[in-house]
Amino acid sequence: MAGGKHQGFLGAVYGSTSTDDVAKLYDGWAETYDAEMAVAGYRHPTICLALLARHLHRGAAPLLDAGAGTGLIGEWLKIMGYPQIEALDISSGMLKVAVQKNCYSAFHQLALGGALPFADGHYAGIISAGVFTSGHVGAEGLDELVRICKVGGVIVLTVKNTLWHDGFEAHVKKLEAVGNVARAEETAPYVSMPGEVGTVPSRGLVLRVL
């Protein structure tokens, strides 16, 4: 299946055609999101955390969790020794849950894909799990992340295969060609939700900003 066949909130968000729709759907999903993703065996956070730890030294700050959702990654980043993490998400409902986890120093209700209100090179590292996927954000969201990440910093993200082959890989190659980033690591494709039938594989990617 090219895009996967999913039910409930997951199917709805993958089928979204506007940022407003995505925000409203995640607002409604926020209270049950963690439990439902646990049942699905959601792997993106674990893989992103492992990649970040391998490529960004302990104590680097500040970090941006871009697409933080309910704070699944933020909780672990704090435990792993990253002292200052900011959360960005399109959904106020998801951020409301993330606030309760006491792991973020700031919260930004913003959509990826357009201009972001942060200075060039502001973040030591950026992590974005499960955002570059169907109905969410495409390659257009990558340039701003590169801009706001400092030289020498890393951007760790996951990309669904359908997006990867539909222009995302080409965009990464373009950024490499002009000397903006270097590909530090790329995983083999994997299924992010083994408990969810029809999940299209994704890959993990680490970009070093130059």
Foldseek 3Di string as FASTA:
>chain_A
DLAFDFDDLVNQLLPADDLVSNQVSLLVCQVCVVVVLVLLVFAQLVVLVVVCPVQPPAQFDDEEAAQCFQNPNLLVSVVRRHQEYEYEHQYPNRVVNNVVSPRHPYYHNDAALDADPAAFQQGLEYEYEPQQGRNHDALSRVVNVLRNRHQQHKYKYKHFPSRCVVCNVVSVVVCVVVQQKDWPDKADWDFRGNSTPGGGTMIMTMIHGD
